[in-house]
Amino acid sequence: MPGTVDTLKKVLNHEADVLRAAADRLQQDQADKLCQLFQHLMDKGGSLVFSGVGKSGIVATKLASTFSSLGLPSFFLHPIEALHGDLGRLSKNDVLVLLSKSGATEELMKMIPYVPVGSEFRVGLLGNANSKIGEQCSLVLDCSVDREACINNQAPTTSSTLAMAMGDAMAVLFEEFVGLSKEGFAANHPGGLLGKSLRLKVSDLMWKIDDCPILSEGETLKTVILEMTNKPVGGCAICNNNNQLLGILVEGDIRRTFTKANQGLETKVEDIMNKTPITVGPDDLAYDALILMEKRDKPVHLLPVVENGIFKGFLRLHDLLKEGFSIQS
């Protein structure tokens, strides 16, 4: 039986309508209460704990992960495991978020009497706000749906989408409440591109001075080639006795030298070096260095790293790209 795009559109439109209806039901006092709970967690050092069963449990796990990534300690608590020892993970300083479509999930109802979290610190993401679980919470966010997108109105589809979106809305409210910056977000994502772009410095990726070819004025192109062969970074720094950078030579400079008359292996480095190279500092962000290298009429592949005029090493475009950086990121 061939499928139809109308089915796909119907599901998406239905779920979009449900999300809009839920947004219309939200009130300012609910946002204020959530912010009070966030402040409580920050003051007491508590965790935001999510609990649910089945698809609600999967959504709860995702939401706990989201809040953790935003810097608020959070974890998923399975209600059955809670009754077999995991209640020890909860403290009176925590906030407990209960997810249930029916508002009467048996496993949650069995757990609630034993949790050390008082009702004033419980939040319900419930498909039935006027339910037994709702009575045990100081704040209920209405996650009711008229029907599931499932053709038999059985499989959690629209309801799980709404619960997920409501939790995401809570997370964004938390971001706004604490004024979370990109740098703050990156602190919990050091392995991602955003984390790298906001945390990794030039000094983390550059070739240190001991690994770089360094010569002084008066040396010849022949010596440059030998040094760059022994230390294949892609360039050579020309420095004085105090390691102050006077200029650099890159592979392109060598090729261009051989195209000119009266220049060759005995040409002095000061006659062909770039005396005003673009430089970066060791404490500059690596991502800023990438922009400096690529967003030019003629992109450069190697930058000397200089601090107070002293040569510290080279940064290569190749190493930035290898690390996963890109202008698009």
C-alpha atoms as a PDB file:
ATOM      1  CA  MET A   1       0.000   0.000   0.000  1.00  0.00           C
ATOM      2  CA  PRO A   2       1.641   3.261  -1.049  1.00  0.00           C
ATOM      3  CA  GLY A   3       2.044   5.982   1.564  1.00  0.00           C
ATOM      4  CA  THR A   4       0.835   9.524   1.236  1.00  0.00           C
ATOM      5  CA  VAL A   5       2.498  12.783   2.151  1.00  0.00           C
ATOM      6  CA  ASP A   6      -0.825  13.942   3.582  1.00  0.00           C
ATOM      7  CA  THR A   7      -0.337  11.530   6.489  1.00  0.00           C
ATOM      8  CA  LEU A   8       3.027  13.081   7.316  1.00  0.00           C
ATOM      9  CA  LYS A   9       1.626  16.592   7.089  1.00  0.00           C
ATOM     10  CA  LYS A  10      -1.390  15.697   9.193  1.00  0.00           C
ATOM     11  CA  VAL A  11       0.773  14.450  12.051  1.00  0.00           C
ATOM     12  CA  LEU A  12       3.024  17.493  12.016  1.00  0.00           C
ATOM     13  CA  ASN A  13       0.142  19.945  11.810  1.00  0.00           C
ATOM     14  CA  HIS A  14      -1.706  18.175  14.611  1.00  0.00           C
ATOM     15  CA  GLU A  15       1.301  18.233  16.901  1.00  0.00           C
ATOM     16  CA  ALA A  16       1.981  21.877  16.035  1.00  0.00           C
ATOM     17  CA  ASP A  17      -1.608  22.770  16.966  1.00  0.00           C
ATOM     18  CA  VAL A  18      -1.251  20.967  20.284  1.00  0.00           C
ATOM     19  CA  LEU A  19       1.973  22.838  21.095  1.00  0.00           C
ATOM     20  CA  ARG A  20       0.322  26.173  20.332  1.00  0.00           C
ATOM     21  CA  ALA A  21      -2.647  25.299  22.535  1.00  0.00           C
ATOM     22  CA  ALA A  22      -0.314  24.374  25.406  1.00  0.00           C
ATOM     23  CA  ALA A  23       1.532  27.664  24.993  1.00  0.00           C
ATOM     24  CA  ASP A  24      -1.747  29.548  25.272  1.00  0.00           C
ATOM     25  CA  ARG A  25      -2.510  27.789  28.575  1.00  0.00           C
ATOM     26  CA  LEU A  26       0.690  28.913  30.277  1.00  0.00           C
ATOM     27  CA  GLN A  27       0.445  31.672  32.881  1.00  0.00           C
ATOM     28  CA  GLN A  28       2.949  34.162  34.321  1.00  0.00           C
ATOM     29  CA  ASP A  29       2.621  32.744  37.833  1.00  0.00           C
ATOM     30  CA  GLN A  30       3.799  29.372  36.515  1.00  0.00           C
ATOM     31  CA  ALA A  31       6.958  30.939  35.087  1.00  0.00           C
ATOM     32  CA  ASP A  32       7.489  32.790  38.372  1.00  0.00           C
ATOM     33  CA  LYS A  33       7.152  29.536  40.317  1.00  0.00           C
ATOM     34  CA  LEU A  34       9.682  27.799  38.067  1.00  0.00           C
ATOM     35  CA  CYS A  35      12.150  30.623  38.613  1.00  0.00           C
ATOM     36  CA  GLN A  36      11.652  30.302  42.373  1.00  0.00           C
ATOM     37  CA  LEU A  37      12.462  26.605  42.100  1.00  0.00           C
ATOM     38  CA  PHE A  38      15.560  27.339  40.018  1.00  0.00           C
ATOM     39  CA  GLN A  39      16.689  29.814  42.670  1.00  0.00           C
ATOM     40  CA  HIS A  40      16.070  27.211  45.375  1.00  0.00           C
ATOM     41  CA  LEU A  41      18.283  24.718  43.544  1.00  0.00           C
ATOM     42  CA  MET A  42      21.039  27.268  43.106  1.00  0.00           C
ATOM     43  CA  ASP A  43      20.876  28.385  46.742  1.00  0.00           C
ATOM     44  CA  LYS A  44      20.802  24.851  48.148  1.00  0.00           C
ATOM     45  CA  GLY A  45      22.998  23.117  45.594  1.00  0.00           C
ATOM     46  CA  GLY A  46      20.225  20.670  44.755  1.00  0.00           C
ATOM     47  CA  SER A  47      19.520  18.688  41.607  1.00  0.00           C
ATOM     48  CA  LEU A  48      16.614  18.843  39.199  1.00  0.00           C
ATOM     49  CA  VAL A  49      15.359  15.252  39.109  1.00  0.00           C
ATOM     50  CA  PHE A  50      13.069  13.885  36.397  1.00  0.00           C
ATOM     51  CA  SER A  51      11.013  10.719  36.741  1.00  0.00           C
ATOM     52  CA  GLY A  52       8.628   8.817  34.498  1.00  0.00           C
ATOM     53  CA  VAL A  53       7.855   5.409  33.026  1.00  0.00           C
ATOM     54  CA  GLY A  54       7.876   4.184  29.432  1.00  0.00           C
ATOM     55  CA  LYS A  55       7.956   6.916  26.813  1.00  0.00           C
ATOM     56  CA  SER A  56       7.607   9.480  29.602  1.00  0.00           C
ATOM     57  CA  GLY A  57      10.744   8.018  31.127  1.00  0.00           C
ATOM     58  CA  ILE A  58      12.610   8.424  27.842  1.00  0.00           C
ATOM     59  CA  VAL A  59      11.508  12.051  27.628  1.00  0.00           C
ATOM     60  CA  ALA A  60      12.496  12.553  31.275  1.00  0.00           C
ATOM     61  CA  THR A  61      15.961  11.161  30.562  1.00  0.00           C
ATOM     62  CA  LYS A  62      16.423  13.573  27.671  1.00  0.00           C
ATOM     63  CA  LEU A  63      15.297  16.563  29.735  1.00  0.00           C
ATOM     64  CA  ALA A  64      17.671  15.686  32.559  1.00  0.00           C
ATOM     65  CA  SER A  65      20.472  15.580  30.029  1.00  0.00           C
ATOM     66  CA  THR A  66      19.445  18.968  28.643  1.00  0.00           C
ATOM     67  CA  PHE A  67      19.507  20.657  32.037  1.00  0.00           C
ATOM     68  CA  SER A  68      22.854  19.081  32.883  1.00  0.00           C
ATOM     69  CA  SER A  69      24.266  20.526  29.656  1.00  0.00           C
ATOM     70  CA  LEU A  70      23.093  23.957  30.787  1.00  0.00           C
ATOM     71  CA  GLY A  71      24.998  23.670  34.047  1.00  0.00           C
ATOM     72  CA  LEU A  72      22.158  22.690  36.392  1.00  0.00           C
ATOM     73  CA  PRO A  73      22.830  19.303  38.040  1.00  0.00           C
ATOM     74  CA  SER A  74      20.086  16.984  36.847  1.00  0.00           C
ATOM     75  CA  PHE A  75      19.424  13.261  36.510  1.00  0.00           C
ATOM     76  CA  PHE A  76      16.733  10.721  35.684  1.00  0.00           C
ATOM     77  CA  LEU A  77      15.255   8.623  38.498  1.00  0.00           C
ATOM     78  CA  HIS A  78      13.365   5.457  37.562  1.00  0.00           C
ATOM     79  CA  PRO A  79      10.479   5.070  40.028  1.00  0.00           C
ATOM     80  CA  ILE A  80      10.885   1.297  40.339  1.00  0.00           C
ATOM     81  CA  GLU A  81      14.619   1.555  40.940  1.00  0.00           C
ATOM     82  CA  ALA A  82      13.884   4.336  43.417  1.00  0.00           C
ATOM     83  CA  LEU A  83      11.909   1.880  45.560  1.00  0.00           C
ATOM     84  CA  HIS A  84      14.839  -0.521  45.482  1.00  0.00           C
ATOM     85  CA  GLY A  85      17.571   1.793  46.716  1.00  0.00           C
ATOM     86  CA  ASP A  86      17.830   4.733  44.307  1.00  0.00           C
ATOM     87  CA  LEU A  87      15.809   6.975  46.630  1.00  0.00           C
ATOM     88  CA  GLY A  88      19.184   7.533  48.251  1.00  0.00           C
ATOM     89  CA  ARG A  89      20.059   9.717  45.283  1.00  0.00           C
ATOM     90  CA  LEU A  90      17.373  12.237  46.285  1.00  0.00           C
ATOM     91  CA  SER A  91      17.720  14.934  48.922  1.00  0.00           C
ATOM     92  CA  LYS A  92      15.379  17.498  50.421  1.00  0.00           C
ATOM     93  CA  ASN A  93      17.242  20.174  48.479  1.00  0.00           C
ATOM     94  CA  ASP A  94      16.196  18.721  45.123  1.00  0.00           C
ATOM     95  CA  VAL A  95      13.277  19.537  42.854  1.00  0.00           C
ATOM     96  CA  LEU A  96      11.353  16.567  41.448  1.00  0.00           C
ATOM     97  CA  VAL A  97       9.666  16.708  38.040  1.00  0.00           C
ATOM     98  CA  LEU A  98       7.092  13.962  37.417  1.00  0.00           C
ATOM     99  CA  LEU A  99       6.042  13.052  33.883  1.00  0.00           C
ATOM    100  CA  SER A 100       2.806  11.182  33.252  1.00  0.00           C
ATOM    101  CA  LYS A 101       0.216  11.304  30.502  1.00  0.00           C
ATOM    102  CA  SER A 102      -2.549   9.932  32.705  1.00  0.00           C
ATOM    103  CA  GLY A 103      -1.497  11.703  35.869  1.00  0.00           C
ATOM    104  CA  ALA A 104      -1.998   8.417  37.672  1.00  0.00           C
ATOM    105  CA  THR A 105       1.011   6.301  36.707  1.00  0.00           C
ATOM    106  CA  GLU A 106       1.102   3.513  39.263  1.00  0.00           C
ATOM    107  CA  GLU A 107       4.870   3.399  39.631  1.00  0.00           C
ATOM    108  CA  LEU A 108       5.059   7.124  40.331  1.00  0.00           C
ATOM    109  CA  MET A 109       2.201   6.947  42.811  1.00  0.00           C
ATOM    110  CA  LYS A 110       3.998   4.204  44.732  1.00  0.00           C
ATOM    111  CA  MET A 111       7.202   6.253  44.850  1.00  0.00           C
ATOM    112  CA  ILE A 112       5.802   9.640  45.876  1.00  0.00           C
ATOM    113  CA  PRO A 113       5.087   8.844  49.575  1.00  0.00           C
ATOM    114  CA  TYR A 114       8.728   7.966  50.145  1.00  0.00           C
ATOM    115  CA  VAL A 115      10.542  10.812  48.353  1.00  0.00           C
ATOM    116  CA  PRO A 116      12.321  13.318  50.624  1.00  0.00           C
ATOM    117  CA  VAL A 117      11.256  16.151  48.290  1.00  0.00           C
ATOM    118  CA  GLY A 118       8.273  18.033  49.661  1.00  0.00           C
ATOM    119  CA  SER A 119       5.244  18.770  47.512  1.00  0.00           C
ATOM    120  CA  GLU A 120       6.260  22.439  47.300  1.00  0.00           C
ATOM    121  CA  PHE A 121       9.293  21.305  45.314  1.00  0.00           C
ATOM    122  CA  ARG A 122       7.489  18.976  42.937  1.00  0.00           C
ATOM    123  CA  VAL A 123       6.513  19.816  39.352  1.00  0.00           C
ATOM    124  CA  GLY A 124       4.153  17.784  37.196  1.00  0.00           C
ATOM    125  CA  LEU A 125       4.310  17.589  33.397  1.00  0.00           C
ATOM    126  CA  LEU A 126       0.968  15.899  33.175  1.00  0.00           C
ATOM    127  CA  GLY A 127      -1.564  15.005  30.535  1.00  0.00           C
ATOM    128  CA  ASN A 128      -4.250  15.331  33.216  1.00  0.00           C
ATOM    129  CA  ALA A 129      -3.674  18.349  35.418  1.00  0.00           C
ATOM    130  CA  ASN A 130      -6.527  17.426  37.762  1.00  0.00           C
ATOM    131  CA  SER A 131      -5.136  14.051  38.722  1.00  0.00           C
ATOM    132  CA  LYS A 132      -3.716  12.180  41.686  1.00  0.00           C
ATOM    133  CA  ILE A 133      -0.169  13.048  40.787  1.00  0.00           C
ATOM    134  CA  GLY A 134      -1.198  16.656  40.123  1.00  0.00           C
ATOM    135  CA  GLU A 135      -2.500  16.867  43.693  1.00  0.00           C
ATOM    136  CA  GLN A 136       0.987  15.958  44.918  1.00  0.00           C
ATOM    137  CA  CYS A 137       2.679  18.834  43.074  1.00  0.00           C
ATOM    138  CA  SER A 138       2.839  22.548  43.788  1.00  0.00           C
ATOM    139  CA  LEU A 139       3.135  23.306  40.077  1.00  0.00           C
ATOM    140  CA  VAL A 140       1.482  21.487  37.196  1.00  0.00           C
ATOM    141  CA  LEU A 141       2.252  22.285  33.578  1.00  0.00           C
ATOM    142  CA  ASP A 142      -0.685  21.161  31.480  1.00  0.00           C
ATOM    143  CA  CYS A 143       0.514  18.666  28.863  1.00  0.00           C
ATOM    144  CA  SER A 144      -2.928  17.429  27.865  1.00  0.00           C
ATOM    145  CA  VAL A 145      -3.701  16.502  24.250  1.00  0.00           C
ATOM    146  CA  ASP A 146      -7.022  15.980  22.529  1.00  0.00           C
ATOM    147  CA  ARG A 147      -5.726  12.788  20.939  1.00  0.00           C
ATOM    148  CA  GLU A 148      -2.532  11.082  19.881  1.00  0.00           C
ATOM    149  CA  ALA A 149      -1.337  11.386  16.306  1.00  0.00           C
ATOM    150  CA  CYS A 150      -1.335   7.583  16.222  1.00  0.00           C
ATOM    151  CA  ILE A 151      -4.199   6.402  13.972  1.00  0.00           C
ATOM    152  CA  ASN A 152      -5.459   4.223  16.837  1.00  0.00           C
ATOM    153  CA  ASN A 153      -5.000   7.002  19.404  1.00  0.00           C
ATOM    154  CA  GLN A 154      -2.779   4.649  21.402  1.00  0.00           C
ATOM    155  CA  ALA A 155       0.969   5.091  20.848  1.00  0.00           C
ATOM    156  CA  PRO A 156       2.453   8.086  22.684  1.00  0.00           C
ATOM    157  CA  THR A 157       3.179  10.524  19.886  1.00  0.00           C
ATOM    158  CA  THR A 158       1.578  13.912  20.382  1.00  0.00           C
ATOM    159  CA  SER A 159       1.685  13.565  24.161  1.00  0.00           C
ATOM    160  CA  SER A 160       5.395  12.744  24.264  1.00  0.00           C
ATOM    161  CA  THR A 161       6.134  15.581  21.831  1.00  0.00           C
ATOM    162  CA  LEU A 162       4.331  18.045  24.077  1.00  0.00           C
ATOM    163  CA  ALA A 163       6.051  16.781  27.236  1.00  0.00           C
ATOM    164  CA  MET A 164       9.410  17.121  25.525  1.00  0.00           C
ATOM    165  CA  ALA A 165       8.628  20.633  24.299  1.00  0.00           C
ATOM    166  CA  MET A 166       7.385  21.707  27.718  1.00  0.00           C
ATOM    167  CA  GLY A 167      10.604  20.494  29.291  1.00  0.00           C
ATOM    168  CA  ASP A 168      12.590  22.330  26.635  1.00  0.00           C
ATOM    169  CA  ALA A 169      10.647  25.494  27.455  1.00  0.00           C
ATOM    170  CA  MET A 170      11.624  25.039  31.101  1.00  0.00           C
ATOM    171  CA  ALA A 171      15.251  24.687  30.050  1.00  0.00           C
ATOM    172  CA  VAL A 172      15.238  27.878  28.002  1.00  0.00           C
ATOM    173  CA  LEU A 173      13.589  29.713  30.895  1.00  0.00           C
ATOM    174  CA  PHE A 174      16.455  28.511  33.091  1.00  0.00           C
ATOM    175  CA  GLU A 175      18.971  29.831  30.549  1.00  0.00           C
ATOM    176  CA  GLU A 176      17.262  33.208  30.638  1.00  0.00           C
ATOM    177  CA  PHE A 177      16.972  33.177  34.434  1.00  0.00           C
ATOM    178  CA  VAL A 178      20.692  32.622  35.014  1.00  0.00           C
ATOM    179  CA  GLY A 179      21.796  34.652  31.989  1.00  0.00           C
ATOM    180  CA  LEU A 180      23.657  31.713  30.487  1.00  0.00           C
ATOM    181  CA  SER A 181      26.170  32.895  27.900  1.00  0.00           C
ATOM    182  CA  LYS A 182      27.664  31.010  24.987  1.00  0.00           C
ATOM    183  CA  GLU A 183      30.831  30.752  27.040  1.00  0.00           C
ATOM    184  CA  GLY A 184      28.906  29.253  29.945  1.00  0.00           C
ATOM    185  CA  PHE A 185      27.251  26.731  27.655  1.00  0.00           C
ATOM    186  CA  ALA A 186      30.592  25.872  26.101  1.00  0.00           C
ATOM    187  CA  ALA A 187      32.041  25.083  29.522  1.00  0.00           C
ATOM    188  CA  ASN A 188      29.851  21.963  29.578  1.00  0.00           C
ATOM    189  CA  HIS A 189      30.580  21.099  25.935  1.00  0.00           C
ATOM    190  CA  PRO A 190      34.369  21.103  25.648  1.00  0.00           C
ATOM    191  CA  GLY A 191      34.302  18.415  22.961  1.00  0.00           C
ATOM    192  CA  GLY A 192      31.823  20.153  20.679  1.00  0.00           C
ATOM    193  CA  LEU A 193      32.634  22.744  18.056  1.00  0.00           C
ATOM    194  CA  LEU A 194      31.082  25.521  20.118  1.00  0.00           C
ATOM    195  CA  GLY A 195      33.090  24.498  23.144  1.00  0.00           C
ATOM    196  CA  LYS A 196      36.287  24.406  21.158  1.00  0.00           C
ATOM    197  CA  SER A 197      35.645  27.740  19.497  1.00  0.00           C
ATOM    198  CA  LEU A 198      35.106  29.453  22.844  1.00  0.00           C
ATOM    199  CA  ARG A 199      37.684  27.630  24.949  1.00  0.00           C
ATOM    200  CA  LEU A 200      40.650  26.419  22.904  1.00  0.00           C
ATOM    201  CA  LYS A 201      43.454  28.949  22.641  1.00  0.00           C
ATOM    202  CA  VAL A 202      46.222  29.326  20.120  1.00  0.00           C
ATOM    203  CA  SER A 203      48.653  27.954  22.706  1.00  0.00           C
ATOM    204  CA  ASP A 204      46.671  24.705  22.806  1.00  0.00           C
ATOM    205  CA  LEU A 205      47.254  23.980  19.118  1.00  0.00           C
ATOM    206  CA  MET A 206      50.388  25.828  18.094  1.00  0.00           C
ATOM    207  CA  TRP A 207      53.774  24.297  17.352  1.00  0.00           C
ATOM    208  CA  LYS A 208      56.061  25.264  20.212  1.00  0.00           C
ATOM    209  CA  ILE A 209      59.267  27.150  19.580  1.00  0.00           C
ATOM    210  CA  ASP A 210      61.516  24.100  19.995  1.00  0.00           C
ATOM    211  CA  ASP A 211      59.723  22.412  17.103  1.00  0.00           C
ATOM    212  CA  CYS A 212      59.946  25.378  14.741  1.00  0.00           C
ATOM    213  CA  PRO A 213      62.717  26.386  12.314  1.00  0.00           C
ATOM    214  CA  ILE A 214      64.371  29.579  13.567  1.00  0.00           C
ATOM    215  CA  LEU A 215      67.199  31.452  11.871  1.00  0.00           C
ATOM    216  CA  SER A 216      68.823  34.856  12.169  1.00  0.00           C
ATOM    217  CA  GLU A 217      69.494  37.523   9.578  1.00  0.00           C
ATOM    218  CA  GLY A 218      72.465  36.812   7.379  1.00  0.00           C
ATOM    219  CA  GLU A 219      71.527  33.182   6.838  1.00  0.00           C
ATOM    220  CA  THR A 220      70.875  31.940   3.308  1.00  0.00           C
ATOM    221  CA  LEU A 221      67.892  30.397   1.597  1.00  0.00           C
ATOM    222  CA  LYS A 222      69.820  27.128   1.467  1.00  0.00           C
ATOM    223  CA  THR A 223      69.897  27.034   5.274  1.00  0.00           C
ATOM    224  CA  VAL A 224      66.198  27.856   5.399  1.00  0.00           C
ATOM    225  CA  ILE A 225      65.395  24.867   3.210  1.00  0.00           C
ATOM    226  CA  LEU A 226      67.515  22.573   5.381  1.00  0.00           C
ATOM    227  CA  GLU A 227      65.890  23.831   8.586  1.00  0.00           C
ATOM    228  CA  MET A 228      62.387  23.544   7.173  1.00  0.00           C
ATOM    229  CA  THR A 229      63.167  19.996   6.037  1.00  0.00           C
ATOM    230  CA  ASN A 230      64.328  19.031   9.526  1.00  0.00           C
ATOM    231  CA  LYS A 231      61.332  20.723  11.149  1.00  0.00           C
ATOM    232  CA  PRO A 232      58.513  20.554   8.585  1.00  0.00           C
ATOM    233  CA  VAL A 233      56.085  23.093  10.015  1.00  0.00           C
ATOM    234  CA  GLY A 234      55.661  24.973   6.753  1.00  0.00           C
ATOM    235  CA  GLY A 235      57.563  28.097   7.634  1.00  0.00           C
ATOM    236  CA  CYS A 236      60.693  29.534   9.202  1.00  0.00           C
ATOM    237  CA  ALA A 237      60.943  32.350  11.751  1.00  0.00           C
ATOM    238  CA  ILE A 238      63.698  34.926  11.406  1.00  0.00           C
ATOM    239  CA  CYS A 239      64.603  36.277  14.836  1.00  0.00           C
ATOM    240  CA  ASN A 240      67.353  38.248  16.581  1.00  0.00           C
ATOM    241  CA  ASN A 241      69.365  36.927  19.497  1.00  0.00           C
ATOM    242  CA  ASN A 242      66.521  37.725  21.897  1.00  0.00           C
ATOM    243  CA  ASN A 243      64.001  35.741  19.825  1.00  0.00           C
ATOM    244  CA  GLN A 244      62.272  38.912  18.705  1.00  0.00           C
ATOM    245  CA  LEU A 245      60.472  38.155  15.459  1.00  0.00           C
ATOM    246  CA  LEU A 246      61.941  40.017  12.479  1.00  0.00           C
ATOM    247  CA  GLY A 247      60.061  38.201   9.732  1.00  0.00           C
ATOM    248  CA  ILE A 248      59.033  34.815   8.394  1.00  0.00           C
ATOM    249  CA  LEU A 249      59.566  32.693   5.312  1.00  0.00           C
ATOM    250  CA  VAL A 250      56.996  30.191   4.091  1.00  0.00           C
ATOM    251  CA  GLU A 251      57.141  27.624   1.305  1.00  0.00           C
ATOM    252  CA  GLY A 252      55.584  30.039  -1.163  1.00  0.00           C
ATOM    253  CA  ASP A 253      58.383  32.536  -0.559  1.00  0.00           C
ATOM    254  CA  ILE A 254      60.934  29.870  -1.486  1.00  0.00           C
ATOM    255  CA  ARG A 255      59.186  29.034  -4.740  1.00  0.00           C
ATOM    256  CA  ARG A 256      58.862  32.703  -5.682  1.00  0.00           C
ATOM    257  CA  THR A 257      62.565  33.275  -4.999  1.00  0.00           C
ATOM    258  CA  PHE A 258      63.574  30.756  -7.638  1.00  0.00           C
ATOM    259  CA  THR A 259      61.456  32.521 -10.251  1.00  0.00           C
ATOM    260  CA  LYS A 260      63.439  35.745  -9.912  1.00  0.00           C
ATOM    261  CA  ALA A 261      66.703  36.570 -11.593  1.00  0.00           C
ATOM    262  CA  ASN A 262      69.833  36.874  -9.459  1.00  0.00           C
ATOM    263  CA  GLN A 263      68.219  35.030  -6.541  1.00  0.00           C
ATOM    264  CA  GLY A 264      68.878  31.473  -5.446  1.00  0.00           C
ATOM    265  CA  LEU A 265      70.209  29.319  -2.648  1.00  0.00           C
ATOM    266  CA  GLU A 266      72.674  31.969  -1.487  1.00  0.00           C
ATOM    267  CA  THR A 267      70.047  34.703  -1.215  1.00  0.00           C
ATOM    268  CA  LYS A 268      69.981  36.231   2.261  1.00  0.00           C
ATOM    269  CA  VAL A 269      66.812  35.669   4.287  1.00  0.00           C
ATOM    270  CA  GLU A 270      66.376  39.380   5.029  1.00  0.00           C
ATOM    271  CA  ASP A 271      66.081  40.041   1.296  1.00  0.00           C
ATOM    272  CA  ILE A 272      63.115  37.752   0.789  1.00  0.00           C
ATOM    273  CA  MET A 273      61.371  37.350   4.165  1.00  0.00           C
ATOM    274  CA  ASN A 274      57.982  38.834   5.019  1.00  0.00           C
ATOM    275  CA  LYS A 275      58.878  41.562   7.488  1.00  0.00           C
ATOM    276  CA  THR A 276      55.280  42.387   8.446  1.00  0.00           C
ATOM    277  CA  PRO A 277      53.509  39.040   8.850  1.00  0.00           C
ATOM    278  CA  ILE A 278      50.090  38.704  10.408  1.00  0.00           C
ATOM    279  CA  THR A 279      50.590  37.440  13.960  1.00  0.00           C
ATOM    280  CA  VAL A 280      48.510  36.035  16.795  1.00  0.00           C
ATOM    281  CA  GLY A 281      49.114  35.767  20.521  1.00  0.00           C
ATOM    282  CA  PRO A 282      49.245  32.508  22.482  1.00  0.00           C
ATOM    283  CA  ASP A 283      46.186  33.522  24.540  1.00  0.00           C
ATOM    284  CA  ASP A 284      44.056  34.389  21.500  1.00  0.00           C
ATOM    285  CA  LEU A 285      41.155  32.070  20.753  1.00  0.00           C
ATOM    286  CA  ALA A 286      42.012  29.494  18.134  1.00  0.00           C
ATOM    287  CA  TYR A 287      38.719  30.211  16.383  1.00  0.00           C
ATOM    288  CA  ASP A 288      39.612  33.892  16.051  1.00  0.00           C
ATOM    289  CA  ALA A 289      42.914  32.834  14.513  1.00  0.00           C
ATOM    290  CA  LEU A 290      41.029  30.690  12.010  1.00  0.00           C
ATOM    291  CA  ILE A 291      38.932  33.681  10.947  1.00  0.00           C
ATOM    292  CA  LEU A 292      42.100  35.755  10.632  1.00  0.00           C
ATOM    293  CA  MET A 293      43.636  33.110   8.369  1.00  0.00           C
ATOM    294  CA  GLU A 294      40.661  32.321   6.146  1.00  0.00           C
ATOM    295  CA  LYS A 295      38.664  35.534   5.798  1.00  0.00           C
ATOM    296  CA  ARG A 296      41.181  37.300   3.591  1.00  0.00           C
ATOM    297  CA  ASP A 297      41.610  37.958  -0.105  1.00  0.00           C
ATOM    298  CA  LYS A 298      44.532  35.544   0.055  1.00  0.00           C
ATOM    299  CA  PRO A 299      44.087  33.043   2.907  1.00  0.00           C
ATOM    300  CA  VAL A 300      47.216  32.178   4.870  1.00  0.00           C
ATOM    301  CA  HIS A 301      48.083  28.722   6.147  1.00  0.00           C
ATOM    302  CA  LEU A 302      50.611  29.621   8.816  1.00  0.00           C
ATOM    303  CA  LEU A 303      50.699  32.312  11.503  1.00  0.00           C
ATOM    304  CA  PRO A 304      53.613  33.181  13.772  1.00  0.00           C
ATOM    305  CA  VAL A 305      52.622  33.260  17.430  1.00  0.00           C
ATOM    306  CA  VAL A 306      54.112  36.319  19.122  1.00  0.00           C
ATOM    307  CA  GLU A 307      53.937  37.659  22.656  1.00  0.00           C
ATOM    308  CA  ASN A 308      55.362  41.120  23.362  1.00  0.00           C
ATOM    309  CA  GLY A 309      57.331  40.850  20.141  1.00  0.00           C
ATOM    310  CA  ILE A 310      58.899  37.511  21.128  1.00  0.00           C
ATOM    311  CA  PHE A 311      58.418  34.546  18.800  1.00  0.00           C
ATOM    312  CA  LYS A 312      56.627  31.653  20.578  1.00  0.00           C
ATOM    313  CA  GLY A 313      55.780  29.271  17.765  1.00  0.00           C
ATOM    314  CA  PHE A 314      53.640  28.692  14.682  1.00  0.00           C
ATOM    315  CA  LEU A 315      49.927  27.999  14.274  1.00  0.00           C
ATOM    316  CA  ARG A 316      48.948  26.016  11.175  1.00  0.00           C
ATOM    317  CA  LEU A 317      45.592  26.110   9.426  1.00  0.00           C
ATOM    318  CA  HIS A 318      45.904  22.356   8.951  1.00  0.00           C
ATOM    319  CA  ASP A 319      45.882  21.756  12.704  1.00  0.00           C
ATOM    320  CA  LEU A 320      42.819  23.962  13.187  1.00  0.00           C
ATOM    321  CA  LEU A 321      40.894  22.040  10.537  1.00  0.00           C
ATOM    322  CA  LYS A 322      42.084  18.732  11.968  1.00  0.00           C
ATOM    323  CA  GLU A 323      40.664  19.759  15.323  1.00  0.00           C
ATOM    324  CA  GLY A 324      37.271  20.243  13.668  1.00  0.00           C
ATOM    325  CA  PHE A 325      37.202  24.018  13.325  1.00  0.00           C
ATOM    326  CA  SER A 326      35.456  25.662  10.421  1.00  0.00           C
ATOM    327  CA  ILE A 327      34.115  29.118   9.717  1.00  0.00           C
ATOM    328  CA  GLN A 328      30.607  27.626   9.446  1.00  0.00           C
ATOM    329  CA  SER A 329      30.788  26.228  12.999  1.00  0.00           C
END
